[in-house]
Amino acid sequence: MTKKTLPPANGRPLQPAHSAAAVMRYFKTQWPRIGGTALTPLRADAFRDPRFTERYEPGILVRAYVAACGQITSPENAIGLLGAARDLNLPLYKVASTECADIRRRTDALNRDRYGSHRKLATGGVFDPGFDRWTFQQILPTREPLRGAPVTLEARSVDVILPAGVSSGEFEKRLHQAMANASLNAWLETSDGIAHCALVGLNPREQQRFTALRFGKPARISPAEEIYIFRPIGEDADRLLTVIETIIYQLVLGTASPANPLWSSASQHAGRRDGAPSDRRHASA
């Protein structure tokens, strides 16, 4: 199907009329910031404190990444996640992590699955075009990782040496749990999300994103929970660093709360192979 995108009729213009930007107009909507209001940066010397250095043992390498997809050929024709962002007038990106040594393998999988392309309309499910060209985005915070942290800022990833004994799956769960307040699907169900959709003239339920995961027939339709209201430059990128640093610090000191057992990635085979509804929520890694 061809997905037509028009800038909202209301809201104060932020960009020139023919700009290819995702966020074109100003609304009074307060976007959620990953980590929420409770997110507090660690002390500058947190990772040089003997309480951390004496307990930390290096484990496996994982890479947190930010990805996007889509293109625009005219104000009326934007596809992929960029098209969804223009429809909603929100900055939207996929934020997750991988243990792949070459992170490009993740976009290969995202493109094959057309991650986030599926929506559920009153008339049935639809697949929006443009979700088969995912690319990694540069992550540009205003600061470097804290000294001593097992965290390295690369151009298109935040590399993390997990504490020994911590799996990539557990880190993935904790990462999502810390950012869940800004997950698009969940936010669209909040009063703020519903009110924002009313401003831009959209049905919030029909803007939620899903992925058709193929484990045979029929495919399993899973929520694309890793699409966030997020900007990879500036404050949100700073917050991503803080989230990652806090997860590692708390795991090592033993102060981390239990990871949410109800969230699991598709790779964990939590869904039923016959395509019947599962009693647990899922997200594609």
Protein backbone atom coordinates (compact mmCIF):
# COMPACT_ATOMS: atom_id res chain seq x y z
CA MET A 1 0.00 0.00 0.00
CA THR A 2 1.07 3.63 -0.53
CA LYS A 3 1.22 5.54 2.70
CA LYS A 4 0.43 9.24 2.36
CA THR A 5 1.74 11.58 5.00
CA LEU A 6 0.62 15.19 5.44
CA PRO A 7 1.86 17.63 8.06
CA PRO A 8 -0.78 18.31 10.73
CA ALA A 9 -3.03 21.25 9.95
CA ASN A 10 -2.68 22.64 13.47
CA GLY A 11 0.39 23.32 15.57
CA ARG A 12 2.97 26.07 15.05
CA PRO A 13 5.37 25.43 12.12
CA LEU A 14 8.93 24.60 13.17
CA GLN A 15 10.48 23.79 9.81
CA PRO A 16 10.28 25.20 6.28
CA ALA A 17 7.32 23.91 4.30
CA HIS A 18 9.37 21.48 2.21
CA SER A 19 11.69 20.24 4.95
CA ALA A 20 12.35 16.50 5.20
CA ALA A 21 12.42 16.70 9.00
CA ALA A 22 10.25 14.32 11.04
CA VAL A 23 9.01 16.88 13.56
CA MET A 24 7.47 19.67 11.53
CA ARG A 25 5.24 21.49 14.00
CA TYR A 26 5.20 22.52 17.64
CA PHE A 27 2.55 21.16 19.98
CA LYS A 28 2.31 21.56 23.74
CA THR A 29 2.69 17.80 24.16
CA GLN A 30 5.38 16.93 26.69
CA TRP A 31 7.33 14.07 25.15
CA PRO A 32 8.53 11.45 27.60
CA ARG A 33 12.29 11.26 28.11
CA ILE A 34 13.83 7.81 28.46
CA GLY A 35 14.43 7.01 32.10
CA GLY A 36 11.72 9.40 33.27
CA THR A 37 12.01 12.06 35.93
CA ALA A 38 13.67 9.65 38.37
CA LEU A 39 16.78 9.19 36.19
CA THR A 40 19.78 10.65 38.02
CA PRO A 41 23.38 10.60 36.74
CA LEU A 42 25.89 8.66 38.78
CA ARG A 43 28.72 10.40 40.61
CA ALA A 44 31.64 11.28 38.36
CA ASP A 45 33.89 8.83 40.27
CA ALA A 46 31.32 6.03 40.58
CA PHE A 47 33.33 3.55 38.48
CA ARG A 48 36.60 4.32 40.27
CA ASP A 49 35.08 3.65 43.67
CA PRO A 50 36.62 0.52 45.29
CA ARG A 51 33.10 -0.78 45.90
CA PHE A 52 32.82 -1.11 42.11
CA THR A 53 36.40 -1.87 41.06
CA GLU A 54 36.80 -4.68 43.61
CA ARG A 55 33.60 -6.42 42.49
CA TYR A 56 33.52 -5.91 38.75
CA GLU A 57 34.76 -8.73 36.54
CA PRO A 58 34.44 -8.35 32.76
CA GLY A 59 32.00 -10.55 30.91
CA ILE A 60 30.72 -10.35 27.34
CA LEU A 61 30.56 -7.40 24.96
CA VAL A 62 27.16 -6.02 23.93
CA ARG A 63 26.43 -3.01 21.75
CA ALA A 64 23.54 -0.64 22.29
CA TYR A 65 22.41 0.95 19.05
CA VAL A 66 19.95 3.43 17.57
CA ALA A 67 18.33 2.63 14.22
CA ALA A 68 15.89 4.26 11.82
CA CYS A 69 14.39 3.64 8.39
CA GLY A 70 12.34 5.34 5.73
CA GLN A 71 12.56 8.10 3.18
CA ILE A 72 10.57 11.04 1.89
CA THR A 73 10.05 11.99 -1.75
CA SER A 74 7.43 14.71 -1.20
CA PRO A 75 5.49 16.18 1.74
CA GLU A 76 2.69 13.73 0.89
CA ASN A 77 4.85 10.63 0.59
CA ALA A 78 7.03 9.56 3.51
CA ILE A 79 7.53 5.88 4.28
CA GLY A 80 9.09 3.70 6.96
CA LEU A 81 9.64 4.90 10.51
CA LEU A 82 10.24 8.40 9.13
CA GLY A 83 6.69 8.35 7.74
CA ALA A 84 5.32 7.26 11.12
CA ALA A 85 7.31 10.04 12.82
CA ARG A 86 5.95 12.66 10.42
CA ASP A 87 2.39 11.39 10.92
CA LEU A 88 2.73 11.63 14.69
CA ASN A 89 5.04 14.66 14.72
CA LEU A 90 7.36 12.77 17.06
CA PRO A 91 11.05 11.78 16.90
CA LEU A 92 10.97 7.98 16.59
CA TYR A 93 13.91 5.56 16.65
CA LYS A 94 14.55 1.93 17.49
CA VAL A 95 16.85 1.59 20.49
CA ALA A 96 18.13 -1.82 21.55
CA SER A 97 21.31 -3.86 21.96
CA THR A 98 23.01 -6.81 20.33
CA GLU A 99 25.85 -9.19 21.08
CA CYS A 100 26.73 -9.47 17.38
CA ALA A 101 30.39 -8.66 16.79
CA ASP A 102 29.36 -6.91 13.57
CA ILE A 103 26.27 -4.85 14.40
CA ARG A 104 25.30 -4.73 10.73
CA ARG A 105 23.96 -8.25 11.18
CA ARG A 106 21.17 -6.74 13.26
CA THR A 107 19.94 -4.51 10.45
CA ASP A 108 19.99 -7.53 8.14
CA ALA A 109 17.55 -9.25 10.49
CA LEU A 110 15.43 -6.13 11.01
CA ASN A 111 15.11 -5.70 7.27
CA ARG A 112 14.10 -9.30 6.72
CA ASP A 113 11.44 -9.04 9.44
CA ARG A 114 10.42 -5.51 8.35
CA TYR A 115 10.51 -4.62 12.02
CA GLY A 116 7.65 -2.33 13.08
CA SER A 117 5.92 -2.33 9.68
CA HIS A 118 2.64 -3.87 10.85
CA ARG A 119 -0.33 -1.89 12.18
CA LYS A 120 -3.74 -3.07 13.33
CA LEU A 121 -6.63 -1.11 11.83
CA ALA A 122 -10.34 -1.54 12.43
CA THR A 123 -10.53 -3.04 8.95
CA GLY A 124 -7.63 -5.46 9.54
CA GLY A 125 -3.86 -5.57 9.59
CA VAL A 126 -1.71 -3.57 7.17
CA PHE A 127 2.00 -3.56 6.35
CA ASP A 128 3.45 -0.10 5.75
CA PRO A 129 6.28 0.18 3.19
CA GLY A 130 9.80 1.36 3.91
CA PHE A 131 10.60 -0.85 6.90
CA ASP A 132 13.08 -2.99 5.00
CA ARG A 133 15.95 -0.50 4.94
CA TRP A 134 16.96 -0.05 8.56
CA THR A 135 20.23 1.81 9.16
CA PHE A 136 22.20 2.64 12.29
CA GLN A 137 22.29 6.24 13.43
CA GLN A 138 25.18 8.13 14.96
CA ILE A 139 24.83 8.56 18.73
CA LEU A 140 25.98 12.01 19.77
CA PRO A 141 25.70 12.79 23.49
CA THR A 142 27.20 15.94 24.95
CA ARG A 143 29.56 13.98 27.21
CA GLU A 144 31.80 10.94 27.26
CA PRO A 145 31.10 7.86 29.42
CA LEU A 146 32.20 8.22 33.02
CA ARG A 147 35.84 7.44 33.70
CA GLY A 148 36.42 3.83 34.59
CA ALA A 149 33.06 2.69 33.22
CA PRO A 150 33.20 -0.44 31.04
CA VAL A 151 31.41 1.61 28.41
CA THR A 152 32.84 2.97 25.15
CA LEU A 153 31.11 5.45 22.89
CA GLU A 154 31.52 4.50 19.24
CA ALA A 155 30.05 6.39 16.28
CA ARG A 156 27.02 4.12 15.89
CA SER A 157 26.92 2.15 19.12
CA VAL A 158 27.57 2.29 22.82
CA ASP A 159 29.79 -0.70 23.57
CA VAL A 160 29.40 -2.27 26.99
CA ILE A 161 31.46 -4.99 28.70
CA LEU A 162 28.82 -6.59 30.91
CA PRO A 163 29.71 -7.85 34.37
CA ALA A 164 30.64 -11.53 34.34
CA GLY A 165 27.57 -13.71 34.70
CA VAL A 166 25.17 -11.18 33.12
CA SER A 167 23.70 -12.30 29.79
CA SER A 168 22.90 -10.08 26.85
CA GLY A 169 19.25 -11.02 27.32
CA GLU A 170 19.20 -9.76 30.89
CA PHE A 171 20.86 -6.51 29.84
CA GLU A 172 18.30 -6.13 27.03
CA LYS A 173 15.44 -6.55 29.49
CA ARG A 174 16.88 -4.01 31.89
CA LEU A 175 17.55 -1.56 29.08
CA HIS A 176 13.93 -1.73 27.92
CA GLN A 177 12.62 -1.60 31.48
CA ALA A 178 14.58 1.61 32.11
CA MET A 179 13.31 3.25 28.91
CA ALA A 180 9.77 1.82 28.81
CA ASN A 181 8.15 5.15 29.69
CA ALA A 182 9.16 6.43 26.23
CA SER A 183 8.23 3.30 24.25
CA LEU A 184 5.87 4.45 21.49
CA ASN A 185 3.32 1.65 21.85
CA ALA A 186 2.96 2.13 25.60
CA TRP A 187 2.90 5.94 25.38
CA LEU A 188 0.08 5.88 22.83
CA GLU A 189 -2.09 4.27 25.50
CA THR A 190 -1.45 7.03 28.06
CA SER A 191 -3.57 10.14 28.49
CA ASP A 192 -0.74 12.25 27.01
CA GLY A 193 -0.45 9.97 23.99
CA ILE A 194 -4.19 9.92 23.38
CA ALA A 195 -4.41 13.71 23.69
CA HIS A 196 -1.48 14.16 21.30
CA CYS A 197 -3.10 11.90 18.69
CA ALA A 198 -6.26 13.97 18.95
CA LEU A 199 -4.20 17.07 18.14
CA VAL A 200 -2.72 15.52 14.99
CA GLY A 201 -5.96 13.80 13.99
CA LEU A 202 -4.94 10.16 14.38
CA ASN A 203 -6.33 7.10 16.15
CA PRO A 204 -3.68 6.13 18.74
CA ARG A 205 -4.47 2.42 18.53
CA GLU A 206 -3.89 2.46 14.78
CA GLN A 207 -0.45 4.06 15.24
CA GLN A 208 0.94 1.27 17.42
CA ARG A 209 3.66 -0.75 15.72
CA PHE A 210 4.00 -4.53 15.40
CA THR A 211 6.24 -7.03 13.64
CA ALA A 212 5.18 -10.21 11.87
CA LEU A 213 7.73 -12.76 13.10
CA ARG A 214 7.89 -15.87 10.96
CA PHE A 215 8.43 -19.14 12.77
CA GLY A 216 6.47 -21.10 10.19
CA LYS A 217 2.83 -20.39 9.39
CA PRO A 218 1.01 -18.34 10.50
CA ALA A 219 3.37 -15.55 11.51
CA ARG A 220 3.33 -14.28 15.09
CA ILE A 221 2.35 -10.62 15.38
CA SER A 222 4.48 -9.15 18.18
CA PRO A 223 4.51 -5.59 19.56
CA ALA A 224 7.50 -3.56 18.35
CA GLU A 225 8.26 -2.27 21.83
CA GLU A 226 11.74 -1.02 20.99
CA ILE A 227 10.53 1.98 19.00
CA TYR A 228 10.99 4.95 21.30
CA ILE A 229 10.31 8.66 21.36
CA PHE A 230 13.97 9.54 21.27
CA ARG A 231 16.62 11.76 19.68
CA PRO A 232 20.13 10.32 19.16
CA ILE A 233 21.69 13.76 19.57
CA GLY A 234 22.01 15.76 22.79
CA GLU A 235 19.95 15.23 25.94
CA ASP A 236 18.36 11.92 24.97
CA ALA A 237 21.74 10.48 24.00
CA ASP A 238 23.08 11.69 27.37
CA ARG A 239 20.20 9.89 29.05
CA LEU A 240 20.96 6.69 27.14
CA LEU A 241 24.52 6.78 28.50
CA THR A 242 23.18 7.35 32.02
CA VAL A 243 20.71 4.47 31.70
CA ILE A 244 23.46 2.09 30.56
CA GLU A 245 25.93 3.24 33.22
CA THR A 246 23.31 2.91 35.94
CA ILE A 247 22.37 -0.62 34.86
CA ILE A 248 26.01 -1.77 35.01
CA TYR A 249 26.75 0.00 38.28
CA GLN A 250 23.69 -1.39 40.06
CA LEU A 251 24.27 -4.92 38.78
CA VAL A 252 27.82 -4.93 40.14
CA LEU A 253 26.88 -3.40 43.51
CA GLY A 254 23.90 -5.70 43.87
CA THR A 255 21.39 -2.86 44.11
CA ALA A 256 19.56 -3.55 40.84
CA SER A 257 15.87 -4.34 41.10
CA PRO A 258 14.66 -7.59 39.47
CA ALA A 259 14.28 -7.42 35.70
CA ASN A 260 10.71 -7.48 34.43
CA PRO A 261 9.96 -11.18 33.78
CA LEU A 262 7.04 -10.32 31.45
CA TRP A 263 9.23 -8.72 28.77
CA SER A 264 11.22 -10.98 26.51
CA SER A 265 12.75 -10.71 23.09
CA ALA A 266 11.60 -12.76 20.15
CA SER A 267 14.83 -14.72 20.21
CA GLN A 268 13.79 -16.28 23.51
CA HIS A 269 11.03 -18.32 21.84
CA ALA A 270 8.44 -17.13 24.33
CA GLY A 271 5.65 -17.12 21.76
CA ARG A 272 3.57 -20.10 20.73
CA ARG A 273 4.58 -21.63 17.42
CA ASP A 274 1.00 -22.26 16.33
CA GLY A 275 0.38 -18.52 16.10
CA ALA A 276 -2.18 -18.53 18.93
CA PRO A 277 -2.13 -15.58 21.32
CA SER A 278 0.38 -15.82 24.13
CA ASP A 279 -0.33 -14.69 27.68
CA ARG A 280 2.91 -12.68 27.74
CA ARG A 281 4.01 -9.50 26.01
CA HIS A 282 6.88 -9.70 23.56
CA ALA A 283 9.23 -7.42 21.73
CA SER A 284 11.56 -8.06 18.84
CA ALA A 285 15.20 -7.52 19.72
